[in-house]
PDB file of N, CA and C in Angstrom:
ATOM      1  N   UNK A   1       0.684  -1.309   0.188  1.00  0.00           N
ATOM      2  CA  UNK A   1      -0.068   0.023  -0.086  1.00  0.00           C
ATOM      3  C   UNK A   1       1.171   1.295  -0.072  1.00  0.00           C
ATOM      4  N   UNK A   2       1.042   2.067  -0.998  1.00  0.00           N
ATOM      5  CA  UNK A   2       1.759   2.975  -0.919  1.00  0.00           C
ATOM      6  C   UNK A   2       0.833   4.084   0.048  1.00  0.00           C
ATOM      7  N   UNK A   3       1.835   5.844   0.332  1.00  0.00           N
ATOM      8  CA  UNK A   3       1.547   6.236   1.154  1.00  0.00           C
ATOM      9  C   UNK A   3       0.153   6.932   1.072  1.00  0.00           C
ATOM     10  N   UNK A   4      -0.121   7.660   0.103  1.00  0.00           N
ATOM     11  CA  UNK A   4      -1.340   8.503  -0.760  1.00  0.00           C
ATOM     12  C   UNK A   4      -2.559   7.335  -0.330  1.00  0.00           C
ATOM     13  N   UNK A   5      -2.289   6.020  -0.424  1.00  0.00           N
ATOM     14  CA  UNK A   5      -3.691   5.278   0.035  1.00  0.00           C
ATOM     15  C   UNK A   5      -3.654   5.089   1.479  1.00  0.00           C
ATOM     16  N   UNK A   6      -2.857   5.192   2.162  1.00  0.00           N
ATOM     17  CA  UNK A   6      -2.736   4.898   3.453  1.00  0.00           C
ATOM     18  C   UNK A   6      -2.911   6.041   3.979  1.00  0.00           C
ATOM     19  N   UNK A   7      -3.177   7.389   3.565  1.00  0.00           N
ATOM     20  CA  UNK A   7      -3.433   8.322   4.494  1.00  0.00           C
ATOM     21  C   UNK A   7      -4.810   9.126   3.921  1.00  0.00           C
ATOM     22  N   UNK A   8      -5.372   8.593   2.868  1.00  0.00           N
ATOM     23  CA  UNK A   8      -6.913   8.172   2.757  1.00  0.00           C
ATOM     24  C   UNK A   8      -7.518   7.715   3.229  1.00  0.00           C
ATOM     25  N   UNK A   9      -6.981   6.515   3.201  1.00  0.00           N
ATOM     26  CA  UNK A   9      -7.849   5.755   4.489  1.00  0.00           C
ATOM     27  C   UNK A   9      -8.018   6.128   5.523  1.00  0.00           C
ATOM     28  N   UNK A  10      -7.021   6.142   6.151  1.00  0.00           N
ATOM     29  CA  UNK A  10      -6.961   7.243   7.439  1.00  0.00           C
ATOM     30  C   UNK A  10      -7.875   8.110   7.362  1.00  0.00           C
ATOM     31  N   UNK A  11      -7.642   9.119   6.503  1.00  0.00           N
ATOM     32  CA  UNK A  11      -8.511  10.204   7.218  1.00  0.00           C
ATOM     33  C   UNK A  11      -9.621   9.929   6.578  1.00  0.00           C
ATOM     34  N   UNK A  12     -10.232   8.982   5.693  1.00  0.00           N
ATOM     35  CA  UNK A  12     -11.673   8.486   5.406  1.00  0.00           C
ATOM     36  C   UNK A  12     -12.373   7.586   6.450  1.00  0.00           C
ATOM     37  N   UNK A  13     -12.027   7.260   7.092  1.00  0.00           N
ATOM     38  CA  UNK A  13     -12.163   6.300   8.521  1.00  0.00           C
ATOM     39  C   UNK A  13     -11.826   6.752   9.986  1.00  0.00           C
ATOM     40  N   UNK A  14     -10.328   6.669  10.100  1.00  0.00           N
ATOM     41  CA  UNK A  14     -10.399   7.247  12.024  1.00  0.00           C
ATOM     42  C   UNK A  14     -10.374   8.686  11.841  1.00  0.00           C
ATOM     43  N   UNK A  15      -9.894   9.228  11.085  1.00  0.00           N
ATOM     44  CA  UNK A  15      -9.855  10.446  11.800  1.00  0.00           C
ATOM     45  C   UNK A  15     -11.149  11.236  11.741  1.00  0.00           C
ATOM     46  N   UNK A  16     -11.824  10.704  10.654  1.00  0.00           N
ATOM     47  CA  UNK A  16     -12.999  11.351  10.377  1.00  0.00           C
ATOM     48  C   UNK A  16     -13.919  11.400  11.402  1.00  0.00           C
ATOM     49  N   UNK A  17     -13.692   9.789  12.538  1.00  0.00           N
ATOM     50  CA  UNK A  17     -14.589   9.522  13.425  1.00  0.00           C
ATOM     51  C   UNK A  17     -14.149  10.386  14.315  1.00  0.00           C
ATOM     52  N   UNK A  18     -12.770  10.248  14.919  1.00  0.00           N
ATOM     53  CA  UNK A  18     -11.936  11.127  15.482  1.00  0.00           C
ATOM     54  C   UNK A  18     -11.936  12.827  16.148  1.00  0.00           C
ATOM     55  N   UNK A  19     -12.363  13.409  14.412  1.00  0.00           N
ATOM     56  CA  UNK A  19     -13.154  14.681  14.599  1.00  0.00           C
ATOM     57  C   UNK A  19     -14.120  15.073  14.830  1.00  0.00           C
ATOM     58  N   UNK A  20     -15.241  13.491  14.282  1.00  0.00           N
ATOM     59  CA  UNK A  20     -16.883  13.887  15.020  1.00  0.00           C
ATOM     60  C   UNK A  20     -16.595  13.479  16.535  1.00  0.00           C
ATOM     61  N   UNK A  21     -15.789  12.915  17.408  1.00  0.00           N
ATOM     62  CA  UNK A  21     -16.150  12.657  18.589  1.00  0.00           C
ATOM     63  C   UNK A  21     -15.694  14.096  19.516  1.00  0.00           C
ATOM     64  N   UNK A  22     -14.585  15.027  18.376  1.00  0.00           N
ATOM     65  CA  UNK A  22     -14.240  15.807  19.343  1.00  0.00           C
ATOM     66  C   UNK A  22     -15.499  16.750  18.975  1.00  0.00           C
ATOM     67  N   UNK A  23     -15.848  16.874  17.925  1.00  0.00           N
ATOM     68  CA  UNK A  23     -17.543  17.712  17.713  1.00  0.00           C
ATOM     69  C   UNK A  23     -17.933  17.438  19.173  1.00  0.00           C
ATOM     70  N   UNK A  24     -18.325  16.441  18.876  1.00  0.00           N
ATOM     71  CA  UNK A  24     -20.119  16.614  19.751  1.00  0.00           C
ATOM     72  C   UNK A  24     -19.346  16.686  21.151  1.00  0.00           C
ATOM     73  N   UNK A  25     -17.856  16.819  21.607  1.00  0.00           N
ATOM     74  CA  UNK A  25     -17.667  16.894  23.006  1.00  0.00           C
ATOM     75  C   UNK A  25     -17.516  17.977  23.212  1.00  0.00           C
ATOM     76  N   UNK A  26     -16.894  18.938  22.129  1.00  0.00           N
ATOM     77  CA  UNK A  26     -17.084  20.538  22.285  1.00  0.00           C
ATOM     78  C   UNK A  26     -18.464  21.166  22.652  1.00  0.00           C
ATOM     79  N   UNK A  27     -19.520  20.503  21.411  1.00  0.00           N
ATOM     80  CA  UNK A  27     -20.567  20.949  21.861  1.00  0.00           C
ATOM     81  C   UNK A  27     -21.048  20.433  23.648  1.00  0.00           C
ATOM     82  N   UNK A  28     -21.010  19.058  23.739  1.00  0.00           N
ATOM     83  CA  UNK A  28     -21.523  18.603  24.901  1.00  0.00           C
ATOM     84  C   UNK A  28     -21.012  19.837  26.174  1.00  0.00           C
ATOM     85  N   UNK A  29     -19.681  19.888  25.785  1.00  0.00           N
ATOM     86  CA  UNK A  29     -18.859  20.637  27.081  1.00  0.00           C
ATOM     87  C   UNK A  29     -19.200  22.440  26.826  1.00  0.00           C
ATOM     88  N   UNK A  30     -19.885  22.972  25.987  1.00  0.00           N
ATOM     89  CA  UNK A  30     -20.583  24.354  25.524  1.00  0.00           C
ATOM     90  C   UNK A  30     -21.787  24.442  26.353  1.00  0.00           C
ATOM     91  N   UNK A  31     -22.721  23.293  25.944  1.00  0.00           N
ATOM     92  CA  UNK A  31     -23.511  23.124  26.627  1.00  0.00           C
ATOM     93  C   UNK A  31     -24.101  22.546  28.149  1.00  0.00           C
ATOM     94  N   UNK A  32     -23.191  22.366  29.035  1.00  0.00           N
ATOM     95  CA  UNK A  32     -23.347  21.603  30.194  1.00  0.00           C
ATOM     96  C   UNK A  32     -23.781  22.854  31.327  1.00  0.00           C
ATOM     97  N   UNK A  33     -24.453  21.881  32.196  1.00  0.00           N
ATOM     98  CA  UNK A  33     -25.213  22.961  32.847  1.00  0.00           C
ATOM     99  C   UNK A  33     -24.661  24.161  33.631  1.00  0.00           C
ATOM    100  N   UNK A  34     -23.767  24.047  34.227  1.00  0.00           N
ATOM    101  CA  UNK A  34     -23.089  25.233  34.809  1.00  0.00           C
ATOM    102  C   UNK A  34     -22.452  25.834  33.745  1.00  0.00           C
ATOM    103  N   UNK A  35     -22.782  25.789  32.756  1.00  0.00           N
ATOM    104  CA  UNK A  35     -21.469  27.001  31.876  1.00  0.00           C
ATOM    105  C   UNK A  35     -22.840  28.442  31.815  1.00  0.00           C
ATOM    106  N   UNK A  36     -24.042  28.559  32.027  1.00  0.00           N
ATOM    107  CA  UNK A  36     -24.461  29.137  31.461  1.00  0.00           C
ATOM    108  C   UNK A  36     -24.163  30.706  32.240  1.00  0.00           C
ATOM    109  N   UNK A  37     -23.696  30.894  33.463  1.00  0.00           N
ATOM    110  CA  UNK A  37     -23.025  32.094  33.770  1.00  0.00           C
ATOM    111  C   UNK A  37     -22.086  32.594  32.517  1.00  0.00           C
ATOM    112  N   UNK A  38     -21.216  31.558  32.700  1.00  0.00           N
ATOM    113  CA  UNK A  38     -19.643  31.937  32.135  1.00  0.00           C
ATOM    114  C   UNK A  38     -20.172  32.649  30.451  1.00  0.00           C
ATOM    115  N   UNK A  39     -21.204  31.661  30.095  1.00  0.00           N
ATOM    116  CA  UNK A  39     -21.651  32.191  28.205  1.00  0.00           C
ATOM    117  C   UNK A  39     -22.296  33.448  28.373  1.00  0.00           C
ATOM    118  N   UNK A  40     -23.271  33.847  29.345  1.00  0.00           N
ATOM    119  CA  UNK A  40     -23.679  35.145  29.503  1.00  0.00           C
ATOM    120  C   UNK A  40     -22.581  36.285  29.883  1.00  0.00           C
ATOM    121  N   UNK A  41     -21.363  35.620  30.686  1.00  0.00           N
ATOM    122  CA  UNK A  41     -20.544  37.090  31.399  1.00  0.00           C
ATOM    123  C   UNK A  41     -19.787  37.640  29.964  1.00  0.00           C
ATOM    124  N   UNK A  42     -19.531  36.248  28.782  1.00  0.00           N
ATOM    125  CA  UNK A  42     -18.702  36.571  28.130  1.00  0.00           C
ATOM    126  C   UNK A  42     -19.597  37.180  26.689  1.00  0.00           C
ATOM    127  N   UNK A  43     -21.094  36.593  26.659  1.00  0.00           N
ATOM    128  CA  UNK A  43     -21.915  37.493  25.643  1.00  0.00           C
ATOM    129  C   UNK A  43     -22.042  39.018  26.295  1.00  0.00           C
ATOM    130  N   UNK A  44     -21.673  39.268  27.195  1.00  0.00           N
ATOM    131  CA  UNK A  44     -22.455  41.004  27.968  1.00  0.00           C
ATOM    132  C   UNK A  44     -21.188  41.534  27.908  1.00  0.00           C
ATOM    133  N   UNK A  45     -19.588  40.904  27.773  1.00  0.00           N
ATOM    134  CA  UNK A  45     -18.741  41.887  28.146  1.00  0.00           C
ATOM    135  C   UNK A  45     -18.568  42.504  27.180  1.00  0.00           C
ATOM    136  N   UNK A  46     -18.555  42.617  26.079  1.00  0.00           N
ATOM    137  CA  UNK A  46     -18.971  44.389  25.289  1.00  0.00           C
ATOM    138  C   UNK A  46     -19.286  45.512  25.043  1.00  0.00           C
ATOM    139  N   UNK A  47     -20.279  45.275  26.606  1.00  0.00           N
ATOM    140  CA  UNK A  47     -21.052  46.175  26.769  1.00  0.00           C
ATOM    141  C   UNK A  47     -20.332  46.819  28.259  1.00  0.00           C
ATOM    142  N   UNK A  48     -19.321  46.725  28.489  1.00  0.00           N
ATOM    143  CA  UNK A  48     -18.515  47.027  29.971  1.00  0.00           C
ATOM    144  C   UNK A  48     -17.994  48.257  29.711  1.00  0.00           C
ATOM    145  N   UNK A  49     -17.785  49.184  30.688  1.00  0.00           N
ATOM    146  CA  UNK A  49     -16.406  49.916  30.137  1.00  0.00           C
ATOM    147  C   UNK A  49     -15.857  50.450  31.376  1.00  0.00           C
ATOM    148  N   UNK A  50     -14.734  51.628  31.333  1.00  0.00           N
ATOM    149  CA  UNK A  50     -14.114  51.760  32.725  1.00  0.00           C
ATOM    150  C   UNK A  50     -14.889  52.453  33.495  1.00  0.00           C
ATOM    151  N   UNK A  51     -15.978  53.145  32.633  1.00  0.00           N
ATOM    152  CA  UNK A  51     -16.963  54.482  33.394  1.00  0.00           C
ATOM    153  C   UNK A  51     -17.889  53.392  34.244  1.00  0.00           C
ATOM    154  N   UNK A  52     -18.175  52.474  33.791  1.00  0.00           N
ATOM    155  CA  UNK A  52     -19.677  51.937  34.311  1.00  0.00           C
ATOM    156  C   UNK A  52     -19.725  50.337  34.369  1.00  0.00           C
ATOM    157  N   UNK A  53     -18.231  49.748  35.227  1.00  0.00           N
ATOM    158  CA  UNK A  53     -18.049  48.235  35.014  1.00  0.00           C
ATOM    159  C   UNK A  53     -19.378  47.269  35.515  1.00  0.00           C
ATOM    160  N   UNK A  54     -19.396  46.191  35.158  1.00  0.00           N
ATOM    161  CA  UNK A  54     -20.663  45.064  35.713  1.00  0.00           C
ATOM    162  C   UNK A  54     -20.207  44.402  36.779  1.00  0.00           C
ATOM    163  N   UNK A  55     -20.838  44.404  38.323  1.00  0.00           N
ATOM    164  CA  UNK A  55     -20.857  44.211  38.943  1.00  0.00           C
ATOM    165  C   UNK A  55     -21.271  42.557  38.978  1.00  0.00           C
ATOM    166  N   UNK A  56     -20.139  42.378  40.023  1.00  0.00           N
ATOM    167  CA  UNK A  56     -20.671  40.697  40.107  1.00  0.00           C
ATOM    168  C   UNK A  56     -21.946  39.810  40.022  1.00  0.00           C
ATOM    169  N   UNK A  57     -22.862  40.704  40.590  1.00  0.00           N
ATOM    170  CA  UNK A  57     -23.718  40.282  40.893  1.00  0.00           C
ATOM    171  C   UNK A  57     -24.885  40.415  39.543  1.00  0.00           C
ATOM    172  N   UNK A  58     -24.348  40.423  38.422  1.00  0.00           N
ATOM    173  CA  UNK A  58     -25.027  40.549  37.178  1.00  0.00           C
ATOM    174  C   UNK A  58     -24.609  39.289  36.431  1.00  0.00           C
ATOM    175  N   UNK A  59     -23.525  38.203  37.318  1.00  0.00           N
ATOM    176  CA  UNK A  59     -23.620  36.980  36.403  1.00  0.00           C
ATOM    177  C   UNK A  59     -24.528  35.743  37.092  1.00  0.00           C
ATOM    178  N   UNK A  60     -25.323  36.614  37.543  1.00  0.00           N
ATOM    179  CA  UNK A  60     -26.614  35.177  38.127  1.00  0.00           C
ATOM    180  C   UNK A  60     -27.417  34.372  37.207  1.00  0.00           C
ATOM    181  N   UNK A  61     -26.947  33.277  37.200  1.00  0.00           N
ATOM    182  CA  UNK A  61     -28.336  33.163  36.006  1.00  0.00           C
ATOM    183  C   UNK A  61     -29.853  33.462  36.379  1.00  0.00           C
ATOM    184  N   UNK A  62     -30.389  33.804  35.366  1.00  0.00           N
ATOM    185  CA  UNK A  62     -31.656  34.604  35.318  1.00  0.00           C
ATOM    186  C   UNK A  62     -32.976  34.017  34.865  1.00  0.00           C
TER     187      UNK A  62
END
C-alpha cells in the first residue's frame, strides 16, 4: 500500500471518527449546565467599560 492510499484510508475512517467525537465533545462541553453564567458573562462583556463596570451580581442565572 502506498503512502497516499494509506493516508486517504486513515482520513476517511479514523480521523473522521475522531473529529466527529471531538465536535460532539465540544458541543457537550459548551452546553453543560454550569456554563450558562460564563457564556452570559462573555456575551455581555462587550457592553462593559471603565466608567460603568459590570458588578459580580450580574453574573447570576436569570
